[in-house]
Structure formats: structure tokens, C-alpha cells
């Protein structure tokens, strides 16, 4: 029977954001107290699992979340991957109210230098392919951002990868600190067996 390769995609914890800014790829923006609590609950969820590696987006909030989770696995450093980065958009530093007025659509009407959903999905899939090759039949954790996880879930479910479809997933799948687990198997070719979601702070789980 084929063994499974498991990638746990984790959304970072809640962020200190006193000016209510859309921060995207801006430097800074550490976890606030609630975010540290969320990351701690996620750490506890993984504490008894045999995790081979921990990966993180370059953003501070993701690196802090990943380090808190990795603390239960003392011999595993956090590896930073640009493939897990936040969405590259022109709205970094704008008041969050501007993004809310756009219904959180940071893709429509932007220049060619910025990312579209398919671009984010492409680098998310690239991370999966690289992780699958490096950690075949192992279990890893990747701390990243909501958009990347949303578009990977849409891809896995065969749903068109659009901003509107991605936003529909946030309430159920993409709370801060939530874990979305992708399980793969290889029998002549690799295939995705399924995904499962859990919010460790609430202990809520569904597939």
C-alpha cells in the first residue's frame, strides 16, 4: 500500500495592525496577543505529529507563527520560501476600508506587474511539487496567507480560481491559525487524495 505525503497549509495568526492598514507584503506587522494564542493552539495540534520540515512565507507574521509551531519540534528550523509569500498587489499601505469597498478584490484593474489568482495558484502548486519531491512520504507544515490557501483549495475541488470564489472560503476554511491538510499518494503517478480543515483553537474539523 502506498504511503502518503502530507502538506499542512497554515494561515498565520492575527496581526498587530493599529492603523487598520492593508499590509500585504509590507515589512513588520507582527502577531498580536490573539495571534500568538492562535499559533500556540496550532503548535499544540502538531506537537504529537512527526513533522519533517517547517516552511514559512517571508512575512514577519508568518515567520513568527511558524516559529511558535516549530517550537514543539526543537530540531526543525523554519525554512523561508518566496513561493508562500503574500499576494503582490498595488494596495499595500492603503486603509483597509478601501479594500473592503472593493469587496477584498485586489486583482481587478491592477497592472501587469501585480499578481492575479492564477499567478498565486501557480506558485502554490510549484511549492507543492517541490515539497512533494523533497519530502516524499513525509509530513510537513507550510505557514502562508489566506489567498494562496484559498486558491489551492479551489484547485483541489475543481472550482474556477477567482477572487470571488476564494472569498467564499474565508469564513469556513481560512480563520487565523487554521490548518488545511492536503494528502497525496503515489502509485505510478501522484494524486491528491483529499483535503481536511481544522481550527485548532476551536477544535473544529471537517472534510
C-alpha atoms as a PDB file:
ATOM      1  CA  UNK A   1       0.000   0.000   0.000  1.00  0.00           C
ATOM      2  CA  UNK A   2       1.384   3.401  -0.974  1.00  0.00           C
ATOM      3  CA  UNK A   3       2.433   5.720   1.809  1.00  0.00           C
ATOM      4  CA  UNK A   4       1.064   9.238   1.886  1.00  0.00           C
ATOM      5  CA  UNK A   5       2.716  12.627   1.584  1.00  0.00           C
ATOM      6  CA  UNK A   6       1.000  15.274   3.731  1.00  0.00           C
ATOM      7  CA  UNK A   7       1.290  19.060   3.456  1.00  0.00           C
ATOM      8  CA  UNK A   8      -0.393  21.142   6.161  1.00  0.00           C
ATOM      9  CA  UNK A   9      -1.034  24.694   4.925  1.00  0.00           C
ATOM     10  CA  UNK A  10      -1.484  27.031   7.911  1.00  0.00           C
ATOM     11  CA  UNK A  11      -2.715  30.599   7.803  1.00  0.00           C
ATOM     12  CA  UNK A  12      -0.670  32.906  10.048  1.00  0.00           C
ATOM     13  CA  UNK A  13      -2.116  34.252  13.286  1.00  0.00           C
ATOM     14  CA  UNK A  14      -3.857  37.607  13.788  1.00  0.00           C
ATOM     15  CA  UNK A  15      -1.642  40.677  13.325  1.00  0.00           C
ATOM     16  CA  UNK A  16      -0.903  43.901  15.214  1.00  0.00           C
ATOM     17  CA  UNK A  17      -2.407  46.494  12.893  1.00  0.00           C
ATOM     18  CA  UNK A  18      -3.261  49.639  14.896  1.00  0.00           C
ATOM     19  CA  UNK A  19      -3.795  51.837  11.807  1.00  0.00           C
ATOM     20  CA  UNK A  20      -6.088  49.244  10.178  1.00  0.00           C
ATOM     21  CA  UNK A  21      -3.879  49.060   7.106  1.00  0.00           C
ATOM     22  CA  UNK A  22      -3.928  46.573   4.246  1.00  0.00           C
ATOM     23  CA  UNK A  23      -0.401  45.288   4.847  1.00  0.00           C
ATOM     24  CA  UNK A  24       0.181  42.663   2.122  1.00  0.00           C
ATOM     25  CA  UNK A  25       3.941  42.478   1.674  1.00  0.00           C
ATOM     26  CA  UNK A  26       4.811  45.482   3.873  1.00  0.00           C
ATOM     27  CA  UNK A  27       7.584  44.821   6.382  1.00  0.00           C
ATOM     28  CA  UNK A  28       6.736  44.474  10.055  1.00  0.00           C
ATOM     29  CA  UNK A  29       3.241  43.620  11.289  1.00  0.00           C
ATOM     30  CA  UNK A  30       3.968  41.020  13.997  1.00  0.00           C
ATOM     31  CA  UNK A  31       1.405  38.809  15.686  1.00  0.00           C
ATOM     32  CA  UNK A  32      -0.775  40.384  18.361  1.00  0.00           C
ATOM     33  CA  UNK A  33      -1.726  38.567  21.573  1.00  0.00           C
ATOM     34  CA  UNK A  34      -4.642  36.803  19.901  1.00  0.00           C
ATOM     35  CA  UNK A  35      -2.414  35.772  17.024  1.00  0.00           C
ATOM     36  CA  UNK A  36       0.119  34.264  19.405  1.00  0.00           C
ATOM     37  CA  UNK A  37      -2.695  32.344  21.114  1.00  0.00           C
ATOM     38  CA  UNK A  38      -3.865  31.034  17.731  1.00  0.00           C
ATOM     39  CA  UNK A  39      -0.336  30.000  16.804  1.00  0.00           C
ATOM     40  CA  UNK A  40       0.062  28.316  20.191  1.00  0.00           C
ATOM     41  CA  UNK A  41      -3.094  26.271  19.651  1.00  0.00           C
ATOM     42  CA  UNK A  42      -1.785  25.242  16.226  1.00  0.00           C
ATOM     43  CA  UNK A  43       1.555  24.284  17.817  1.00  0.00           C
ATOM     44  CA  UNK A  44      -0.289  22.055  20.268  1.00  0.00           C
ATOM     45  CA  UNK A  45      -2.188  20.439  17.400  1.00  0.00           C
ATOM     46  CA  UNK A  46       1.077  19.478  15.705  1.00  0.00           C
ATOM     47  CA  UNK A  47       3.018  18.593  18.863  1.00  0.00           C
ATOM     48  CA  UNK A  48       2.418  14.846  18.609  1.00  0.00           C
ATOM     49  CA  UNK A  49       2.801  14.637  14.827  1.00  0.00           C
ATOM     50  CA  UNK A  50       6.030  13.586  13.112  1.00  0.00           C
ATOM     51  CA  UNK A  51       6.755  16.729  11.088  1.00  0.00           C
ATOM     52  CA  UNK A  52       9.779  16.546   8.783  1.00  0.00           C
ATOM     53  CA  UNK A  53      10.055  20.249   7.922  1.00  0.00           C
ATOM     54  CA  UNK A  54       8.542  23.665   8.598  1.00  0.00           C
ATOM     55  CA  UNK A  55       8.217  26.249   5.830  1.00  0.00           C
ATOM     56  CA  UNK A  56       7.104  29.872   6.003  1.00  0.00           C
ATOM     57  CA  UNK A  57       6.282  32.888   3.896  1.00  0.00           C
ATOM     58  CA  UNK A  58       8.917  35.642   4.204  1.00  0.00           C
ATOM     59  CA  UNK A  59       6.414  37.899   6.016  1.00  0.00           C
ATOM     60  CA  UNK A  60       7.046  38.503   9.730  1.00  0.00           C
ATOM     61  CA  UNK A  61       3.579  37.363  10.823  1.00  0.00           C
ATOM     62  CA  UNK A  62       4.053  34.045   9.040  1.00  0.00           C
ATOM     63  CA  UNK A  63       7.601  33.533  10.302  1.00  0.00           C
ATOM     64  CA  UNK A  64       6.503  34.188  13.884  1.00  0.00           C
ATOM     65  CA  UNK A  65       3.591  31.752  13.518  1.00  0.00           C
ATOM     66  CA  UNK A  66       5.866  29.099  12.018  1.00  0.00           C
ATOM     67  CA  UNK A  67       8.461  29.517  14.757  1.00  0.00           C
ATOM     68  CA  UNK A  68       5.848  29.136  17.504  1.00  0.00           C
ATOM     69  CA  UNK A  69       4.559  25.957  15.846  1.00  0.00           C
ATOM     70  CA  UNK A  70       8.076  24.625  15.307  1.00  0.00           C
ATOM     71  CA  UNK A  71       8.958  25.135  18.980  1.00  0.00           C
ATOM     72  CA  UNK A  72       7.391  21.737  19.708  1.00  0.00           C
ATOM     73  CA  UNK A  73       9.913  20.187  17.287  1.00  0.00           C
ATOM     74  CA  UNK A  74      13.247  21.501  18.516  1.00  0.00           C
ATOM     75  CA  UNK A  75      15.420  20.058  15.733  1.00  0.00           C
ATOM     76  CA  UNK A  76      13.496  21.576  12.849  1.00  0.00           C
ATOM     77  CA  UNK A  77      14.420  25.099  11.681  1.00  0.00           C
ATOM     78  CA  UNK A  78      11.897  27.201   9.780  1.00  0.00           C
ATOM     79  CA  UNK A  79      12.682  27.398   6.041  1.00  0.00           C
ATOM     80  CA  UNK A  80      11.534  30.597   4.326  1.00  0.00           C
ATOM     81  CA  UNK A  81      10.063  30.190   0.833  1.00  0.00           C
ATOM     82  CA  UNK A  82       9.089  33.028  -1.507  1.00  0.00           C
ATOM     83  CA  UNK A  83       6.545  30.661  -3.060  1.00  0.00           C
ATOM     84  CA  UNK A  84       4.466  31.059   0.129  1.00  0.00           C
ATOM     85  CA  UNK A  85       4.509  34.862   0.094  1.00  0.00           C
ATOM     86  CA  UNK A  86       1.512  37.169   0.444  1.00  0.00           C
ATOM     87  CA  UNK A  87      -0.289  38.481  -2.637  1.00  0.00           C
ATOM     88  CA  UNK A  88       1.695  41.036  -4.634  1.00  0.00           C
ATOM     89  CA  UNK A  89      -0.741  43.891  -5.188  1.00  0.00           C
ATOM     90  CA  UNK A  90      -0.641  47.709  -5.553  1.00  0.00           C
ATOM     91  CA  UNK A  91      -2.717  48.234  -2.410  1.00  0.00           C
ATOM     92  CA  UNK A  92      -0.086  47.667   0.296  1.00  0.00           C
ATOM     93  CA  UNK A  93      -0.339  50.522   2.800  1.00  0.00           C
ATOM     94  CA  UNK A  94      -3.871  51.557   1.796  1.00  0.00           C
ATOM     95  CA  UNK A  95      -6.522  51.899   4.537  1.00  0.00           C
ATOM     96  CA  UNK A  96      -8.311  48.580   4.908  1.00  0.00           C
ATOM     97  CA  UNK A  97     -11.582  50.428   4.265  1.00  0.00           C
ATOM     98  CA  UNK A  98     -10.502  50.906   0.632  1.00  0.00           C
ATOM     99  CA  UNK A  99     -10.095  47.144   0.232  1.00  0.00           C
ATOM    100  CA  UNK A 100     -13.412  46.484   1.963  1.00  0.00           C
ATOM    101  CA  UNK A 101     -15.107  48.795  -0.551  1.00  0.00           C
ATOM    102  CA  UNK A 102     -13.638  46.586  -3.282  1.00  0.00           C
ATOM    103  CA  UNK A 103     -15.071  43.515  -1.520  1.00  0.00           C
ATOM    104  CA  UNK A 104     -11.461  42.407  -0.885  1.00  0.00           C
ATOM    105  CA  UNK A 105     -10.778  42.152  -4.623  1.00  0.00           C
ATOM    106  CA  UNK A 106      -7.153  43.256  -5.034  1.00  0.00           C
ATOM    107  CA  UNK A 107      -6.920  41.821  -8.562  1.00  0.00           C
ATOM    108  CA  UNK A 108      -9.377  43.695 -10.808  1.00  0.00           C
ATOM    109  CA  UNK A 109      -7.965  46.640 -12.710  1.00  0.00           C
ATOM    110  CA  UNK A 110      -4.360  46.307 -11.496  1.00  0.00           C
ATOM    111  CA  UNK A 111      -1.289  46.466 -13.716  1.00  0.00           C
ATOM    112  CA  UNK A 112       0.549  43.567 -15.288  1.00  0.00           C
ATOM    113  CA  UNK A 113       3.281  43.796 -12.645  1.00  0.00           C
ATOM    114  CA  UNK A 114       0.884  42.524  -9.969  1.00  0.00           C
ATOM    115  CA  UNK A 115      -0.495  39.060  -9.266  1.00  0.00           C
ATOM    116  CA  UNK A 116      -3.743  37.531 -10.416  1.00  0.00           C
ATOM    117  CA  UNK A 117      -5.376  34.465  -8.787  1.00  0.00           C
ATOM    118  CA  UNK A 118      -3.822  32.143 -11.368  1.00  0.00           C
ATOM    119  CA  UNK A 119      -0.350  33.523 -10.573  1.00  0.00           C
ATOM    120  CA  UNK A 120      -0.820  32.791  -6.878  1.00  0.00           C
ATOM    121  CA  UNK A 121      -2.171  29.336  -7.637  1.00  0.00           C
ATOM    122  CA  UNK A 122       0.816  28.656  -9.903  1.00  0.00           C
ATOM    123  CA  UNK A 123       3.353  29.368  -7.181  1.00  0.00           C
ATOM    124  CA  UNK A 124       1.283  27.437  -4.632  1.00  0.00           C
ATOM    125  CA  UNK A 125       1.304  24.417  -6.927  1.00  0.00           C
ATOM    126  CA  UNK A 126       5.030  24.924  -7.517  1.00  0.00           C
ATOM    127  CA  UNK A 127       5.553  24.766  -3.749  1.00  0.00           C
ATOM    128  CA  UNK A 128       3.557  21.525  -3.631  1.00  0.00           C
ATOM    129  CA  UNK A 129       5.603  19.959  -6.436  1.00  0.00           C
ATOM    130  CA  UNK A 130       8.908  20.962  -4.832  1.00  0.00           C
ATOM    131  CA  UNK A 131       7.785  19.851  -1.374  1.00  0.00           C
ATOM    132  CA  UNK A 132       6.500  16.568  -2.769  1.00  0.00           C
ATOM    133  CA  UNK A 133       9.879  15.872  -4.358  1.00  0.00           C
ATOM    134  CA  UNK A 134      11.864  16.871  -1.242  1.00  0.00           C
ATOM    135  CA  UNK A 135       9.573  15.258   1.348  1.00  0.00           C
ATOM    136  CA  UNK A 136       8.164  12.214  -0.408  1.00  0.00           C
ATOM    137  CA  UNK A 137       6.073  10.146   2.040  1.00  0.00           C
ATOM    138  CA  UNK A 138       6.698  12.695   4.800  1.00  0.00           C
ATOM    139  CA  UNK A 139       4.578  15.265   6.623  1.00  0.00           C
ATOM    140  CA  UNK A 140       5.386  18.991   6.524  1.00  0.00           C
ATOM    141  CA  UNK A 141       3.916  22.325   7.664  1.00  0.00           C
ATOM    142  CA  UNK A 142       3.779  25.438   5.456  1.00  0.00           C
ATOM    143  CA  UNK A 143       2.708  28.749   7.051  1.00  0.00           C
ATOM    144  CA  UNK A 144       1.344  31.159   4.470  1.00  0.00           C
ATOM    145  CA  UNK A 145      -1.542  33.516   3.659  1.00  0.00           C
ATOM    146  CA  UNK A 146      -5.254  33.247   3.016  1.00  0.00           C
ATOM    147  CA  UNK A 147      -5.288  33.879  -0.728  1.00  0.00           C
ATOM    148  CA  UNK A 148      -2.753  31.181  -1.535  1.00  0.00           C
ATOM    149  CA  UNK A 149      -4.575  28.604   0.573  1.00  0.00           C
ATOM    150  CA  UNK A 150      -7.951  29.622  -0.880  1.00  0.00           C
ATOM    151  CA  UNK A 151      -6.800  29.206  -4.467  1.00  0.00           C
ATOM    152  CA  UNK A 152      -5.199  25.833  -3.697  1.00  0.00           C
ATOM    153  CA  UNK A 153      -8.476  24.650  -2.176  1.00  0.00           C
ATOM    154  CA  UNK A 154     -10.384  25.815  -5.270  1.00  0.00           C
ATOM    155  CA  UNK A 155      -7.895  23.960  -7.479  1.00  0.00           C
ATOM    156  CA  UNK A 156      -8.217  20.808  -5.368  1.00  0.00           C
ATOM    157  CA  UNK A 157     -12.001  20.950  -5.563  1.00  0.00           C
ATOM    158  CA  UNK A 158     -12.069  21.670  -9.304  1.00  0.00           C
ATOM    159  CA  UNK A 159     -13.664  25.104  -8.794  1.00  0.00           C
ATOM    160  CA  UNK A 160     -12.656  28.061 -11.007  1.00  0.00           C
ATOM    161  CA  UNK A 161      -9.880  30.079  -9.385  1.00  0.00           C
ATOM    162  CA  UNK A 162     -11.311  33.591  -8.993  1.00  0.00           C
ATOM    163  CA  UNK A 163     -11.195  36.247  -6.315  1.00  0.00           C
ATOM    164  CA  UNK A 164     -14.934  35.906  -5.693  1.00  0.00           C
ATOM    165  CA  UNK A 165     -14.742  32.122  -5.237  1.00  0.00           C
ATOM    166  CA  UNK A 166     -11.725  32.498  -2.978  1.00  0.00           C
ATOM    167  CA  UNK A 167     -13.502  34.954  -0.691  1.00  0.00           C
ATOM    168  CA  UNK A 168     -16.329  32.461  -0.156  1.00  0.00           C
ATOM    169  CA  UNK A 169     -13.856  30.120   1.554  1.00  0.00           C
ATOM    170  CA  UNK A 170     -12.583  32.534   4.175  1.00  0.00           C
ATOM    171  CA  UNK A 171     -15.319  32.092   6.786  1.00  0.00           C
ATOM    172  CA  UNK A 172     -15.178  28.279   6.801  1.00  0.00           C
ATOM    173  CA  UNK A 173     -11.597  27.415   5.867  1.00  0.00           C
ATOM    174  CA  UNK A 174      -9.344  30.371   6.467  1.00  0.00           C
ATOM    175  CA  UNK A 175      -9.564  31.597  10.026  1.00  0.00           C
ATOM    176  CA  UNK A 176      -6.279  32.755  11.529  1.00  0.00           C
ATOM    177  CA  UNK A 177      -4.261  29.720  12.598  1.00  0.00           C
ATOM    178  CA  UNK A 178      -6.480  27.297  10.646  1.00  0.00           C
ATOM    179  CA  UNK A 179      -4.879  24.199   9.133  1.00  0.00           C
ATOM    180  CA  UNK A 180      -5.780  22.894   5.673  1.00  0.00           C
ATOM    181  CA  UNK A 181      -4.240  19.478   5.121  1.00  0.00           C
ATOM    182  CA  UNK A 182      -3.545  18.163   1.615  1.00  0.00           C
ATOM    183  CA  UNK A 183      -2.843  14.424   1.409  1.00  0.00           C
ATOM    184  CA  UNK A 184      -1.132  12.914  -1.637  1.00  0.00           C
ATOM    185  CA  UNK A 185      -0.394   9.352  -2.714  1.00  0.00           C
ATOM    186  CA  UNK A 186       1.925   7.967  -5.391  1.00  0.00           C
ATOM    187  CA  UNK A 187       1.106   4.819  -7.335  1.00  0.00           C
ATOM    188  CA  UNK A 188       2.712   5.232 -10.727  1.00  0.00           C
ATOM    189  CA  UNK A 189       1.629   8.868 -10.638  1.00  0.00           C
ATOM    190  CA  UNK A 190       0.897  11.221  -7.776  1.00  0.00           C
ATOM    191  CA  UNK A 191      -2.652  12.156  -6.943  1.00  0.00           C
ATOM    192  CA  UNK A 192      -4.417  14.296  -4.379  1.00  0.00           C
ATOM    193  CA  UNK A 193      -6.487  12.078  -2.087  1.00  0.00           C
ATOM    194  CA  UNK A 194      -8.282  14.930  -0.350  1.00  0.00           C
ATOM    195  CA  UNK A 195      -8.134  17.944   1.929  1.00  0.00           C
ATOM    196  CA  UNK A 196      -9.255  18.434   5.514  1.00  0.00           C
ATOM    197  CA  UNK A 197      -9.635  21.580   7.612  1.00  0.00           C
ATOM    198  CA  UNK A 198      -9.301  22.223  11.339  1.00  0.00           C
ATOM    199  CA  UNK A 199      -9.292  25.320  13.520  1.00  0.00           C
ATOM    200  CA  UNK A 200      -7.046  24.177  16.415  1.00  0.00           C
ATOM    201  CA  UNK A 201      -8.224  26.984  18.691  1.00  0.00           C
ATOM    202  CA  UNK A 202     -11.837  25.865  18.306  1.00  0.00           C
ATOM    203  CA  UNK A 203     -11.056  22.173  17.708  1.00  0.00           C
ATOM    204  CA  UNK A 204     -13.457  22.278  14.745  1.00  0.00           C
ATOM    205  CA  UNK A 205     -12.747  19.877  11.922  1.00  0.00           C
ATOM    206  CA  UNK A 206     -14.433  18.875   8.685  1.00  0.00           C
ATOM    207  CA  UNK A 207     -13.524  17.403   5.290  1.00  0.00           C
END
